Amino acid sequence: MKKRTNFYVKATVIAVLSTFLLNDVVLAHSGGTNSDGCHTNKKTGVYHCHKK
């Protein structure tokens, strides 16, 4: 029984850490690019393109 509980604790810790570590990757860019992969940064007003 202890081995099963240990597994669930480790799986939960890995899932929580993965969520926090991958959060920046998922939220890094909100999209909104045009057909050329470019957009205007709303905060700075700078127009730039992303590599395809």
C-alpha atoms as a PDB file:
ATOM      1  CA  MET A   1       0.000   0.000   0.000  1.00  0.00           C
ATOM      2  CA  LYS A   2       2.866   2.371   0.774  1.00  0.00           C
ATOM      3  CA  LYS A   3       4.369   1.907  -2.713  1.00  0.00           C
ATOM      4  CA  ARG A   4       1.078   2.878  -4.355  1.00  0.00           C
ATOM      5  CA  THR A   5       0.768   6.003  -2.189  1.00  0.00           C
ATOM      6  CA  ASN A   6       4.384   6.887  -2.965  1.00  0.00           C
ATOM      7  CA  PHE A   7       3.643   6.611  -6.689  1.00  0.00           C
ATOM      8  CA  TYR A   8       0.630   8.932  -6.452  1.00  0.00           C
ATOM      9  CA  VAL A   9       2.583  11.492  -4.437  1.00  0.00           C
ATOM     10  CA  LYS A  10       5.416  11.490  -6.992  1.00  0.00           C
ATOM     11  CA  ALA A  11       2.979  11.686  -9.920  1.00  0.00           C
ATOM     12  CA  THR A  12       1.166  14.618  -8.304  1.00  0.00           C
ATOM     13  CA  VAL A  13       4.410  16.484  -7.613  1.00  0.00           C
ATOM     14  CA  ILE A  14       5.566  15.961 -11.217  1.00  0.00           C
ATOM     15  CA  ALA A  15       2.207  17.138 -12.588  1.00  0.00           C
ATOM     16  CA  VAL A  16       2.203  20.285 -10.443  1.00  0.00           C
ATOM     17  CA  LEU A  17       5.820  21.150 -11.247  1.00  0.00           C
ATOM     18  CA  SER A  18       5.232  20.558 -14.950  1.00  0.00           C
ATOM     19  CA  THR A  19       2.259  22.893 -14.865  1.00  0.00           C
ATOM     20  CA  PHE A  20       4.337  25.697 -13.358  1.00  0.00           C
ATOM     21  CA  LEU A  21       7.380  25.100 -15.558  1.00  0.00           C
ATOM     22  CA  LEU A  22       5.414  24.902 -18.809  1.00  0.00           C
ATOM     23  CA  ASN A  23       3.191  27.835 -17.946  1.00  0.00           C
ATOM     24  CA  ASP A  24       5.633  30.382 -19.419  1.00  0.00           C
ATOM     25  CA  VAL A  25       5.850  28.445 -22.663  1.00  0.00           C
ATOM     26  CA  VAL A  26       2.099  28.314 -23.047  1.00  0.00           C
ATOM     27  CA  LEU A  27       1.511  31.949 -22.128  1.00  0.00           C
ATOM     28  CA  ALA A  28       4.565  33.341 -23.907  1.00  0.00           C
ATOM     29  CA  HIS A  29       2.611  34.678 -26.876  1.00  0.00           C
ATOM     30  CA  SER A  30      -1.072  35.314 -27.257  1.00  0.00           C
ATOM     31  CA  GLY A  31      -1.074  35.001 -31.052  1.00  0.00           C
ATOM     32  CA  GLY A  32      -2.807  37.549 -33.204  1.00  0.00           C
ATOM     33  CA  THR A  33      -0.245  37.455 -35.997  1.00  0.00           C
ATOM     34  CA  ASN A  34      -1.112  38.245 -39.600  1.00  0.00           C
ATOM     35  CA  SER A  35      -0.494  35.923 -42.554  1.00  0.00           C
ATOM     36  CA  ASP A  36       3.202  36.922 -42.564  1.00  0.00           C
ATOM     37  CA  GLY A  37       3.600  36.035 -38.868  1.00  0.00           C
ATOM     38  CA  CYS A  38       3.832  39.687 -37.807  1.00  0.00           C
ATOM     39  CA  HIS A  39       1.956  41.847 -35.317  1.00  0.00           C
ATOM     40  CA  THR A  40       2.192  45.058 -33.299  1.00  0.00           C
ATOM     41  CA  ASN A  41       3.186  44.738 -29.658  1.00  0.00           C
ATOM     42  CA  LYS A  42       0.318  46.397 -27.774  1.00  0.00           C
ATOM     43  CA  LYS A  43       2.543  47.515 -24.885  1.00  0.00           C
ATOM     44  CA  THR A  44       5.368  49.063 -26.902  1.00  0.00           C
ATOM     45  CA  GLY A  45       3.710  49.777 -30.254  1.00  0.00           C
ATOM     46  CA  VAL A  46       6.559  48.015 -32.071  1.00  0.00           C
ATOM     47  CA  TYR A  47       5.677  46.014 -35.194  1.00  0.00           C
ATOM     48  CA  HIS A  48       7.677  42.795 -35.494  1.00  0.00           C
ATOM     49  CA  CYS A  49       7.618  39.358 -37.093  1.00  0.00           C
ATOM     50  CA  HIS A  50       8.141  35.879 -35.695  1.00  0.00           C
ATOM     51  CA  LYS A  51      10.163  33.183 -37.386  1.00  0.00           C
ATOM     52  CA  LYS A  52       8.123  30.490 -39.066  1.00  0.00           C
END
